[in-house]
Structure formats: structure tokens, C-alpha cells
Amino acid sequence: MSETEELEEIFVLFDRTGEGCIEVAQIKDVLRSAGLNPQGTDLAKLEEDYNSKGTIQFPEFCAIYKEMKAKPQPAMEDFMEFFNIFDREKSGVSSRCSFERSCV
């Protein structure tokens, strides 16, 4: 199955009316179903660009998907590096107190 066919299969699941479009509010869920993790600024821009239309058609979704896919996705190493900041004992566990102290 090609990538386009997979995307269409996902898109159809979210097309509530069967008219070949999804609501702008659904784009986050559709992109996540397609394996992406869109961030807040990207979602805000999409909403700004498409809110006046109210819906997104499949060809538009494909373009959005390709643009998002080209952006670097956060890697597990990045998350681990972040959480290691709070793991002072290097035990692989961070306590609530460590987080609270760091936030103050």
C-alpha cells in the first residue's frame, strides 16, 4: 500500500460526512493517526490558514502531511536528556520533589 493510500484510509476514518473533507478542528487527531506529532505553533498556523474555510480536503491534507513530515520530529534522546536534568542521583527515576524544586 502506498503512502497516499494509507493517508486516504486514515482521512476517510475522520470524514464524518463522506464529502471528502475533515473539519479543521480534527487536523491534530488526523495527523497523529498518520504518525506525526504536530506542535502547538504548527497547529495554530494551520488553524489560522484554514479556519475561514472550516474544512480541509484530502489534497490539502496530503500537502499538510508532507510539510509536517519534513520537519524534524523530537527524538527519544531529546526527551531522555531533558528528564536526566531532574535525575540527580542518576538512578533512572525522578521524584516529584526534583521537579518542584526545579520549577521554583
PDB file of N, CA and C in Angstrom:
ATOM      1  N   MET A   1       0.853  -1.174   0.000  1.00  0.00           N
ATOM      2  CA  MET A   1       0.000   0.000   0.000  1.00  0.00           C
ATOM      3  C   MET A   1       0.904   1.245   0.000  1.00  0.00           C
ATOM      4  N   SER A   2       0.599   2.185  -0.853  1.00  0.00           N
ATOM      5  CA  SER A   2       1.409   3.401  -0.947  1.00  0.00           C
ATOM      6  C   SER A   2       1.081   4.353   0.203  1.00  0.00           C
ATOM      7  N   GLU A   3       1.960   5.308   0.400  1.00  0.00           N
ATOM      8  CA  GLU A   3       1.747   6.293   1.464  1.00  0.00           C
ATOM      9  C   GLU A   3       0.451   7.065   1.236  1.00  0.00           C
ATOM     10  N   THR A   4       0.177   7.418  -0.006  1.00  0.00           N
ATOM     11  CA  THR A   4      -1.053   8.156  -0.322  1.00  0.00           C
ATOM     12  C   THR A   4      -2.286   7.334   0.006  1.00  0.00           C
ATOM     13  N   GLU A   5      -2.239   6.046  -0.286  1.00  0.00           N
ATOM     14  CA  GLU A   5      -3.366   5.169   0.030  1.00  0.00           C
ATOM     15  C   GLU A   5      -3.561   5.047   1.538  1.00  0.00           C
ATOM     16  N   GLU A   6      -2.470   4.962   2.270  1.00  0.00           N
ATOM     17  CA  GLU A   6      -2.558   4.902   3.733  1.00  0.00           C
ATOM     18  C   GLU A   6      -3.150   6.191   4.292  1.00  0.00           C
ATOM     19  N   LEU A   7      -2.694   7.321   3.761  1.00  0.00           N
ATOM     20  CA  LEU A   7      -3.219   8.614   4.216  1.00  0.00           C
ATOM     21  C   LEU A   7      -4.707   8.736   3.905  1.00  0.00           C
ATOM     22  N   GLU A   8      -5.097   8.272   2.731  1.00  0.00           N
ATOM     23  CA  GLU A   8      -6.508   8.336   2.359  1.00  0.00           C
ATOM     24  C   GLU A   8      -7.360   7.469   3.284  1.00  0.00           C
ATOM     25  N   GLU A   9      -6.840   6.309   3.637  1.00  0.00           N
ATOM     26  CA  GLU A   9      -7.551   5.413   4.544  1.00  0.00           C
ATOM     27  C   GLU A   9      -7.764   6.089   5.908  1.00  0.00           C
ATOM     28  N   ILE A  10      -6.735   6.743   6.411  1.00  0.00           N
ATOM     29  CA  ILE A  10      -6.835   7.459   7.681  1.00  0.00           C
ATOM     30  C   ILE A  10      -7.803   8.628   7.554  1.00  0.00           C
ATOM     31  N   PHE A  11      -7.672   9.380   6.463  1.00  0.00           N
ATOM     32  CA  PHE A  11      -8.510  10.552   6.233  1.00  0.00           C
ATOM     33  C   PHE A  11      -9.993  10.188   6.214  1.00  0.00           C
ATOM     34  N   VAL A  12     -10.309   9.096   5.528  1.00  0.00           N
ATOM     35  CA  VAL A  12     -11.703   8.660   5.403  1.00  0.00           C
ATOM     36  C   VAL A  12     -12.299   8.328   6.771  1.00  0.00           C
ATOM     37  N   LEU A  13     -11.496   7.813   7.668  1.00  0.00           N
ATOM     38  CA  LEU A  13     -11.995   7.496   9.011  1.00  0.00           C
ATOM     39  C   LEU A  13     -12.489   8.741   9.745  1.00  0.00           C
ATOM     40  N   PHE A  14     -11.897   9.891   9.438  1.00  0.00           N
ATOM     41  CA  PHE A  14     -12.263  11.130  10.105  1.00  0.00           C
ATOM     42  C   PHE A  14     -13.262  11.965   9.305  1.00  0.00           C
ATOM     43  N   ASP A  15     -13.546  11.565   8.087  1.00  0.00           N
ATOM     44  CA  ASP A  15     -14.503  12.267   7.227  1.00  0.00           C
ATOM     45  C   ASP A  15     -15.917  11.871   7.646  1.00  0.00           C
ATOM     46  N   ARG A  16     -16.487  12.633   8.558  1.00  0.00           N
ATOM     47  CA  ARG A  16     -17.781  12.283   9.170  1.00  0.00           C
ATOM     48  C   ARG A  16     -18.948  12.350   8.192  1.00  0.00           C
ATOM     49  N   THR A  17     -18.863  13.242   7.210  1.00  0.00           N
ATOM     50  CA  THR A  17     -19.988  13.437   6.303  1.00  0.00           C
ATOM     51  C   THR A  17     -19.858  12.645   5.011  1.00  0.00           C
ATOM     52  N   GLY A  18     -18.675  12.118   4.743  1.00  0.00           N
ATOM     53  CA  GLY A  18     -18.458  11.397   3.494  1.00  0.00           C
ATOM     54  C   GLY A  18     -18.309  12.312   2.286  1.00  0.00           C
ATOM     55  N   GLU A  19     -18.066  13.596   2.543  1.00  0.00           N
ATOM     56  CA  GLU A  19     -17.948  14.572   1.457  1.00  0.00           C
ATOM     57  C   GLU A  19     -16.499  14.825   1.040  1.00  0.00           C
ATOM     58  N   GLY A  20     -15.560  14.047   1.589  1.00  0.00           N
ATOM     59  CA  GLY A  20     -14.164  14.206   1.194  1.00  0.00           C
ATOM     60  C   GLY A  20     -13.444  15.329   1.901  1.00  0.00           C
ATOM     61  N   CYS A  21     -13.918  15.679   3.098  1.00  0.00           N
ATOM     62  CA  CYS A  21     -13.246  16.731   3.860  1.00  0.00           C
ATOM     63  C   CYS A  21     -13.362  16.444   5.358  1.00  0.00           C
ATOM     64  N   ILE A  22     -12.451  17.045   6.095  1.00  0.00           N
ATOM     65  CA  ILE A  22     -12.486  16.948   7.560  1.00  0.00           C
ATOM     66  C   ILE A  22     -12.584  18.362   8.118  1.00  0.00           C
ATOM     67  N   GLU A  23     -13.017  18.466   9.340  1.00  0.00           N
ATOM     68  CA  GLU A  23     -13.081  19.765   9.992  1.00  0.00           C
ATOM     69  C   GLU A  23     -11.672  20.178  10.422  1.00  0.00           C
ATOM     70  N   VAL A  24     -11.435  21.472  10.425  1.00  0.00           N
ATOM     71  CA  VAL A  24     -10.122  21.999  10.817  1.00  0.00           C
ATOM     72  C   VAL A  24      -9.767  21.524  12.224  1.00  0.00           C
ATOM     73  N   ALA A  25     -10.743  21.454  13.096  1.00  0.00           N
ATOM     74  CA  ALA A  25     -10.501  21.034  14.482  1.00  0.00           C
ATOM     75  C   ALA A  25      -9.991  19.597  14.582  1.00  0.00           C
ATOM     76  N   GLN A  26     -10.181  18.798  13.538  1.00  0.00           N
ATOM     77  CA  GLN A  26      -9.758  17.401  13.543  1.00  0.00           C
ATOM     78  C   GLN A  26      -8.316  17.195  13.090  1.00  0.00           C
ATOM     79  N   ILE A  27      -7.686  18.216  12.531  1.00  0.00           N
ATOM     80  CA  ILE A  27      -6.388  18.030  11.879  1.00  0.00           C
ATOM     81  C   ILE A  27      -5.342  17.448  12.825  1.00  0.00           C
ATOM     82  N   LYS A  28      -5.353  17.864  14.078  1.00  0.00           N
ATOM     83  CA  LYS A  28      -4.389  17.344  15.052  1.00  0.00           C
ATOM     84  C   LYS A  28      -4.541  15.822  15.191  1.00  0.00           C
ATOM     85  N   ASP A  29      -5.761  15.366  15.337  1.00  0.00           N
ATOM     86  CA  ASP A  29      -6.013  13.932  15.510  1.00  0.00           C
ATOM     87  C   ASP A  29      -5.678  13.142  14.246  1.00  0.00           C
ATOM     88  N   VAL A  30      -5.987  13.713  13.093  1.00  0.00           N
ATOM     89  CA  VAL A  30      -5.701  13.017  11.838  1.00  0.00           C
ATOM     90  C   VAL A  30      -4.194  12.901  11.631  1.00  0.00           C
ATOM     91  N   LEU A  31      -3.467  13.977  11.883  1.00  0.00           N
ATOM     92  CA  LEU A  31      -2.005  13.934  11.745  1.00  0.00           C
ATOM     93  C   LEU A  31      -1.386  12.939  12.724  1.00  0.00           C
ATOM     94  N   ARG A  32      -1.899  12.901  13.941  1.00  0.00           N
ATOM     95  CA  ARG A  32      -1.382  11.935  14.916  1.00  0.00           C
ATOM     96  C   ARG A  32      -1.687  10.505  14.487  1.00  0.00           C
ATOM     97  N   SER A  33      -2.837  10.292  13.907  1.00  0.00           N
ATOM     98  CA  SER A  33      -3.178   8.960  13.400  1.00  0.00           C
ATOM     99  C   SER A  33      -2.253   8.555  12.263  1.00  0.00           C
ATOM    100  N   ALA A  34      -1.716   9.558  11.569  1.00  0.00           N
ATOM    101  CA  ALA A  34      -0.791   9.295  10.467  1.00  0.00           C
ATOM    102  C   ALA A  34       0.652   9.188  10.953  1.00  0.00           C
ATOM    103  N   GLY A  35       0.851   9.219  12.279  1.00  0.00           N
ATOM    104  CA  GLY A  35       2.179   9.001  12.843  1.00  0.00           C
ATOM    105  C   GLY A  35       2.988  10.248  13.109  1.00  0.00           C
ATOM    106  N   LEU A  36       2.370  11.421  13.004  1.00  0.00           N
ATOM    107  CA  LEU A  36       3.089  12.660  13.275  1.00  0.00           C
ATOM    108  C   LEU A  36       2.672  13.221  14.623  1.00  0.00           C
ATOM    109  N   ASN A  37       3.470  14.125  15.138  1.00  0.00           N
ATOM    110  CA  ASN A  37       3.171  14.761  16.412  1.00  0.00           C
ATOM    111  C   ASN A  37       3.259  16.271  16.230  1.00  0.00           C
ATOM    112  N   PRO A  38       2.208  16.873  15.671  1.00  0.00           N
ATOM    113  CA  PRO A  38       2.256  18.311  15.414  1.00  0.00           C
ATOM    114  C   PRO A  38       2.337  19.105  16.706  1.00  0.00           C
ATOM    115  N   GLN A  39       3.146  20.161  16.683  1.00  0.00           N
ATOM    116  CA  GLN A  39       3.354  21.002  17.852  1.00  0.00           C
ATOM    117  C   GLN A  39       2.395  22.192  17.820  1.00  0.00           C
ATOM    118  N   GLY A  40       2.281  22.880  18.943  1.00  0.00           N
ATOM    119  CA  GLY A  40       1.330  23.976  19.109  1.00  0.00           C
ATOM    120  C   GLY A  40       1.423  25.066  18.064  1.00  0.00           C
ATOM    121  N   THR A  41       2.639  25.514  17.747  1.00  0.00           N
ATOM    122  CA  THR A  41       2.775  26.597  16.775  1.00  0.00           C
ATOM    123  C   THR A  41       2.341  26.141  15.385  1.00  0.00           C
ATOM    124  N   ASP A  42       2.647  24.902  15.034  1.00  0.00           N
ATOM    125  CA  ASP A  42       2.222  24.380  13.733  1.00  0.00           C
ATOM    126  C   ASP A  42       0.701  24.284  13.660  1.00  0.00           C
ATOM    127  N   LEU A  43       0.093  23.816  14.737  1.00  0.00           N
ATOM    128  CA  LEU A  43      -1.366  23.701  14.762  1.00  0.00           C
ATOM    129  C   LEU A  43      -2.030  25.066  14.704  1.00  0.00           C
ATOM    130  N   ALA A  44      -1.467  26.026  15.416  1.00  0.00           N
ATOM    131  CA  ALA A  44      -2.027  27.375  15.406  1.00  0.00           C
ATOM    132  C   ALA A  44      -1.979  27.966  13.993  1.00  0.00           C
ATOM    133  N   LYS A  45      -0.877  27.742  13.289  1.00  0.00           N
ATOM    134  CA  LYS A  45      -0.756  28.243  11.918  1.00  0.00           C
ATOM    135  C   LYS A  45      -1.770  27.570  10.998  1.00  0.00           C
ATOM    136  N   LEU A  46      -1.940  26.261  11.152  1.00  0.00           N
ATOM    137  CA  LEU A  46      -2.929  25.548  10.341  1.00  0.00           C
ATOM    138  C   LEU A  46      -4.332  26.081  10.589  1.00  0.00           C
ATOM    139  N   GLU A  47      -4.666  26.283  11.856  1.00  0.00           N
ATOM    140  CA  GLU A  47      -5.985  26.797  12.184  1.00  0.00           C
ATOM    141  C   GLU A  47      -6.174  28.194  11.605  1.00  0.00           C
ATOM    142  N   GLU A  48      -5.134  29.006  11.681  1.00  0.00           N
ATOM    143  CA  GLU A  48      -5.193  30.355  11.124  1.00  0.00           C
ATOM    144  C   GLU A  48      -5.415  30.299   9.606  1.00  0.00           C
ATOM    145  N   ASP A  49      -4.703  29.394   8.942  1.00  0.00           N
ATOM    146  CA  ASP A  49      -4.794  29.283   7.486  1.00  0.00           C
ATOM    147  C   ASP A  49      -6.127  28.707   7.001  1.00  0.00           C
ATOM    148  N   TYR A  50      -6.715  27.780   7.768  1.00  0.00           N
ATOM    149  CA  TYR A  50      -7.882  27.050   7.278  1.00  0.00           C
ATOM    150  C   TYR A  50      -9.188  27.356   8.003  1.00  0.00           C
ATOM    151  N   ASN A  51      -9.161  28.101   9.097  1.00  0.00           N
ATOM    152  CA  ASN A  51     -10.391  28.355   9.848  1.00  0.00           C
ATOM    153  C   ASN A  51     -11.458  29.052   9.014  1.00  0.00           C
ATOM    154  N   SER A  52     -11.055  29.933   8.116  1.00  0.00           N
ATOM    155  CA  SER A  52     -12.053  30.642   7.310  1.00  0.00           C
ATOM    156  C   SER A  52     -12.808  29.673   6.396  1.00  0.00           C
ATOM    157  N   LYS A  53     -12.126  28.605   5.942  1.00  0.00           N
ATOM    158  CA  LYS A  53     -12.781  27.585   5.114  1.00  0.00           C
ATOM    159  C   LYS A  53     -13.611  26.633   5.948  1.00  0.00           C
ATOM    160  N   GLY A  54     -13.119  26.325   7.147  1.00  0.00           N
ATOM    161  CA  GLY A  54     -13.831  25.416   8.033  1.00  0.00           C
ATOM    162  C   GLY A  54     -13.509  23.945   7.822  1.00  0.00           C
ATOM    163  N   THR A  55     -13.072  23.594   6.611  1.00  0.00           N
ATOM    164  CA  THR A  55     -12.767  22.199   6.322  1.00  0.00           C
ATOM    165  C   THR A  55     -11.448  22.094   5.545  1.00  0.00           C
ATOM    166  N   ILE A  56     -10.920  20.873   5.535  1.00  0.00           N
ATOM    167  CA  ILE A  56      -9.699  20.563   4.793  1.00  0.00           C
ATOM    168  C   ILE A  56     -10.005  19.361   3.910  1.00  0.00           C
ATOM    169  N   GLN A  57      -9.722  19.489   2.618  1.00  0.00           N
ATOM    170  CA  GLN A  57      -9.941  18.397   1.688  1.00  0.00           C
ATOM    171  C   GLN A  57      -8.697  17.522   1.628  1.00  0.00           C
ATOM    172  N   PHE A  58      -8.854  16.312   1.079  1.00  0.00           N
ATOM    173  CA  PHE A  58      -7.765  15.350   1.071  1.00  0.00           C
ATOM    174  C   PHE A  58      -6.486  15.866   0.411  1.00  0.00           C
ATOM    175  N   PRO A  59      -6.539  16.498  -0.771  1.00  0.00           N
ATOM    176  CA  PRO A  59      -5.290  17.005  -1.359  1.00  0.00           C
ATOM    177  C   PRO A  59      -4.587  18.030  -0.456  1.00  0.00           C
ATOM    178  N   GLU A  60      -5.374  18.858   0.230  1.00  0.00           N
ATOM    179  CA  GLU A  60      -4.795  19.827   1.169  1.00  0.00           C
ATOM    180  C   GLU A  60      -4.155  19.099   2.345  1.00  0.00           C
ATOM    181  N   PHE A  61      -4.836  18.057   2.832  1.00  0.00           N
ATOM    182  CA  PHE A  61      -4.290  17.272   3.931  1.00  0.00           C
ATOM    183  C   PHE A  61      -2.965  16.640   3.539  1.00  0.00           C
ATOM    184  N   CYS A  62      -2.877  16.108   2.319  1.00  0.00           N
ATOM    185  CA  CYS A  62      -1.625  15.498   1.855  1.00  0.00           C
ATOM    186  C   CYS A  62      -0.488  16.518   1.863  1.00  0.00           C
ATOM    187  N   ALA A  63      -0.779  17.731   1.428  1.00  0.00           N
ATOM    188  CA  ALA A  63       0.238  18.785   1.427  1.00  0.00           C
ATOM    189  C   ALA A  63       0.662  19.129   2.851  1.00  0.00           C
ATOM    190  N   ILE A  64      -0.300  19.203   3.758  1.00  0.00           N
ATOM    191  CA  ILE A  64      -0.009  19.492   5.170  1.00  0.00           C
ATOM    192  C   ILE A  64       0.847  18.365   5.748  1.00  0.00           C
ATOM    193  N   TYR A  65       0.456  17.128   5.472  1.00  0.00           N
ATOM    194  CA  TYR A  65       1.190  15.966   5.973  1.00  0.00           C
ATOM    195  C   TYR A  65       2.640  15.991   5.503  1.00  0.00           C
ATOM    196  N   LYS A  66       2.846  16.228   4.216  1.00  0.00           N
ATOM    197  CA  LYS A  66       4.199  16.234   3.666  1.00  0.00           C
ATOM    198  C   LYS A  66       5.040  17.349   4.284  1.00  0.00           C
ATOM    199  N   GLU A  67       4.432  18.505   4.502  1.00  0.00           N
ATOM    200  CA  GLU A  67       5.151  19.616   5.136  1.00  0.00           C
ATOM    201  C   GLU A  67       5.529  19.269   6.574  1.00  0.00           C
ATOM    202  N   MET A  68       4.591  18.692   7.311  1.00  0.00           N
ATOM    203  CA  MET A  68       4.852  18.318   8.706  1.00  0.00           C
ATOM    204  C   MET A  68       5.870  17.187   8.801  1.00  0.00           C
ATOM    205  N   LYS A  69       5.790  16.254   7.877  1.00  0.00           N
ATOM    206  CA  LYS A  69       6.696  15.108   7.897  1.00  0.00           C
ATOM    207  C   LYS A  69       8.135  15.552   7.636  1.00  0.00           C
ATOM    208  N   ALA A  70       8.302  16.610   6.857  1.00  0.00           N
ATOM    209  CA  ALA A  70       9.636  17.114   6.531  1.00  0.00           C
ATOM    210  C   ALA A  70      10.300  17.796   7.725  1.00  0.00           C
ATOM    211  N   LYS A  71       9.488  18.228   8.694  1.00  0.00           N
ATOM    212  CA  LYS A  71      10.045  18.870   9.888  1.00  0.00           C
ATOM    213  C   LYS A  71      10.627  17.807  10.807  1.00  0.00           C
ATOM    214  N   PRO A  72      11.731  18.124  11.467  1.00  0.00           N
ATOM    215  CA  PRO A  72      12.302  17.135  12.390  1.00  0.00           C
ATOM    216  C   PRO A  72      11.365  16.888  13.569  1.00  0.00           C
ATOM    217  N   GLN A  73      11.161  15.622  13.870  1.00  0.00           N
ATOM    218  CA  GLN A  73      10.323  15.232  14.998  1.00  0.00           C
ATOM    219  C   GLN A  73      11.214  15.056  16.231  1.00  0.00           C
ATOM    220  N   PRO A  74      10.715  15.404  17.402  1.00  0.00           N
ATOM    221  CA  PRO A  74      11.522  15.208  18.611  1.00  0.00           C
ATOM    222  C   PRO A  74      11.909  13.736  18.771  1.00  0.00           C
ATOM    223  N   ALA A  75      13.153  13.516  19.097  1.00  0.00           N
ATOM    224  CA  ALA A  75      13.650  12.149  19.268  1.00  0.00           C
ATOM    225  C   ALA A  75      13.611  11.760  20.742  1.00  0.00           C
ATOM    226  N   MET A  76      13.557  10.463  20.979  1.00  0.00           N
ATOM    227  CA  MET A  76      13.534   9.952  22.349  1.00  0.00           C
ATOM    228  C   MET A  76      14.744  10.446  23.132  1.00  0.00           C
ATOM    229  N   GLU A  77      15.876  10.567  22.453  1.00  0.00           N
ATOM    230  CA  GLU A  77      17.090  11.039  23.139  1.00  0.00           C
ATOM    231  C   GLU A  77      16.900  12.437  23.703  1.00  0.00           C
ATOM    232  N   ASP A  78      16.179  13.282  22.977  1.00  0.00           N
ATOM    233  CA  ASP A  78      15.913  14.641  23.450  1.00  0.00           C
ATOM    234  C   ASP A  78      15.101  14.621  24.740  1.00  0.00           C
ATOM    235  N   PHE A  79      14.083  13.743  24.781  1.00  0.00           N
ATOM    236  CA  PHE A  79      13.263  13.642  25.980  1.00  0.00           C
ATOM    237  C   PHE A  79      14.072  13.095  27.158  1.00  0.00           C
ATOM    238  N   MET A  80      14.880  12.090  26.869  1.00  0.00           N
ATOM    239  CA  MET A  80      15.688  11.499  27.933  1.00  0.00           C
ATOM    240  C   MET A  80      16.683  12.516  28.490  1.00  0.00           C
ATOM    241  N   GLU A  81      17.277  13.302  27.628  1.00  0.00           N
ATOM    242  CA  GLU A  81      18.220  14.325  28.069  1.00  0.00           C
ATOM    243  C   GLU A  81      17.513  15.331  28.976  1.00  0.00           C
ATOM    244  N   PHE A  82      16.312  15.708  28.607  1.00  0.00           N
ATOM    245  CA  PHE A  82      15.531  16.637  29.421  1.00  0.00           C
ATOM    246  C   PHE A  82      15.249  16.047  30.806  1.00  0.00           C
ATOM    247  N   PHE A  83      14.772  14.815  30.865  1.00  0.00           N
ATOM    248  CA  PHE A  83      14.428  14.213  32.143  1.00  0.00           C
ATOM    249  C   PHE A  83      15.663  13.885  32.986  1.00  0.00           C
ATOM    250  N   ASN A  84      16.792  13.657  32.345  1.00  0.00           N
ATOM    251  CA  ASN A  84      18.019  13.405  33.100  1.00  0.00           C
ATOM    252  C   ASN A  84      18.461  14.615  33.915  1.00  0.00           C
ATOM    253  N   ILE A  85      18.014  15.785  33.520  1.00  0.00           N
ATOM    254  CA  ILE A  85      18.304  17.001  34.292  1.00  0.00           C
ATOM    255  C   ILE A  85      17.760  16.858  35.713  1.00  0.00           C
ATOM    256  N   PHE A  86      16.613  16.204  35.841  1.00  0.00           N
ATOM    257  CA  PHE A  86      15.959  16.062  37.139  1.00  0.00           C
ATOM    258  C   PHE A  86      16.406  14.819  37.904  1.00  0.00           C
ATOM    259  N   ASP A  87      17.127  13.947  37.255  1.00  0.00           N
ATOM    260  CA  ASP A  87      17.586  12.699  37.870  1.00  0.00           C
ATOM    261  C   ASP A  87      18.997  12.921  38.424  1.00  0.00           C
ATOM    262  N   ARG A  88      19.074  13.595  39.559  1.00  0.00           N
ATOM    263  CA  ARG A  88      20.373  13.967  40.124  1.00  0.00           C
ATOM    264  C   ARG A  88      21.195  12.774  40.586  1.00  0.00           C
ATOM    265  N   GLU A  89      20.514  11.718  41.044  1.00  0.00           N
ATOM    266  CA  GLU A  89      21.222  10.527  41.523  1.00  0.00           C
ATOM    267  C   GLU A  89      21.562   9.572  40.393  1.00  0.00           C
ATOM    268  N   LYS A  90      21.141   9.880  39.184  1.00  0.00           N
ATOM    269  CA  LYS A  90      21.358   9.019  38.017  1.00  0.00           C
ATOM    270  C   LYS A  90      20.814   7.613  38.245  1.00  0.00           C
ATOM    271  N   SER A  91      19.641   7.559  38.864  1.00  0.00           N
ATOM    272  CA  SER A  91      19.009   6.280  39.172  1.00  0.00           C
ATOM    273  C   SER A  91      17.970   5.864  38.127  1.00  0.00           C
ATOM    274  N   GLY A  92      17.672   6.748  37.202  1.00  0.00           N
ATOM    275  CA  GLY A  92      16.651   6.448  36.202  1.00  0.00           C
ATOM    276  C   GLY A  92      15.260   6.817  36.658  1.00  0.00           C
ATOM    277  N   VAL A  93      15.177   7.481  37.819  1.00  0.00           N
ATOM    278  CA  VAL A  93      13.895   7.879  38.384  1.00  0.00           C
ATOM    279  C   VAL A  93      14.001   9.342  38.819  1.00  0.00           C
ATOM    280  N   SER A  94      12.949  10.106  38.543  1.00  0.00           N
ATOM    281  CA  SER A  94      12.895  11.492  39.001  1.00  0.00           C
ATOM    282  C   SER A  94      11.724  11.636  39.944  1.00  0.00           C
ATOM    283  N   SER A  95      11.939  12.267  41.051  1.00  0.00           N
ATOM    284  CA  SER A  95      10.870  12.424  42.032  1.00  0.00           C
ATOM    285  C   SER A  95      10.093  13.706  41.765  1.00  0.00           C
ATOM    286  N   ARG A  96       8.947  13.771  42.341  1.00  0.00           N
ATOM    287  CA  ARG A  96       8.108  14.960  42.245  1.00  0.00           C
ATOM    288  C   ARG A  96       8.832  16.151  42.854  1.00  0.00           C
ATOM    289  N   CYS A  97       9.549  15.916  43.940  1.00  0.00           N
ATOM    290  CA  CYS A  97      10.289  16.992  44.612  1.00  0.00           C
ATOM    291  C   CYS A  97      11.350  17.595  43.675  1.00  0.00           C
ATOM    292  N   SER A  98      12.016  16.756  42.894  1.00  0.00           N
ATOM    293  CA  SER A  98      13.015  17.254  41.954  1.00  0.00           C
ATOM    294  C   SER A  98      12.397  18.192  40.950  1.00  0.00           C
ATOM    295  N   PHE A  99      11.222  17.835  40.456  1.00  0.00           N
ATOM    296  CA  PHE A  99      10.524  18.700  39.513  1.00  0.00           C
ATOM    297  C   PHE A  99      10.115  20.004  40.178  1.00  0.00           C
ATOM    298  N   GLU A 100       9.548  19.893  41.378  1.00  0.00           N
ATOM    299  CA  GLU A 100       9.068  21.081  42.070  1.00  0.00           C
ATOM    300  C   GLU A 100      10.209  22.048  42.376  1.00  0.00           C
ATOM    301  N   ARG A 101      11.349  21.524  42.833  1.00  0.00           N
ATOM    302  CA  ARG A 101      12.498  22.377  43.144  1.00  0.00           C
ATOM    303  C   ARG A 101      13.017  23.075  41.884  1.00  0.00           C
ATOM    304  N   SER A 102      12.980  22.390  40.782  1.00  0.00           N
ATOM    305  CA  SER A 102      13.475  22.964  39.539  1.00  0.00           C
ATOM    306  C   SER A 102      12.551  24.034  38.982  1.00  0.00           C
ATOM    307  N   CYS A 103      11.290  23.947  39.298  1.00  0.00           N
ATOM    308  CA  CYS A 103      10.329  24.903  38.781  1.00  0.00           C
ATOM    309  C   CYS A 103      10.260  26.195  39.587  1.00  0.00           C
ATOM    310  N   VAL A 104      10.798  26.163  40.769  1.00  0.00           N
ATOM    311  CA  VAL A 104      10.724  27.349  41.644  1.00  0.00           C
ATOM    312  C   VAL A 104      11.798  28.327  41.318  1.00  0.00           C
TER     313      VAL A 104
END
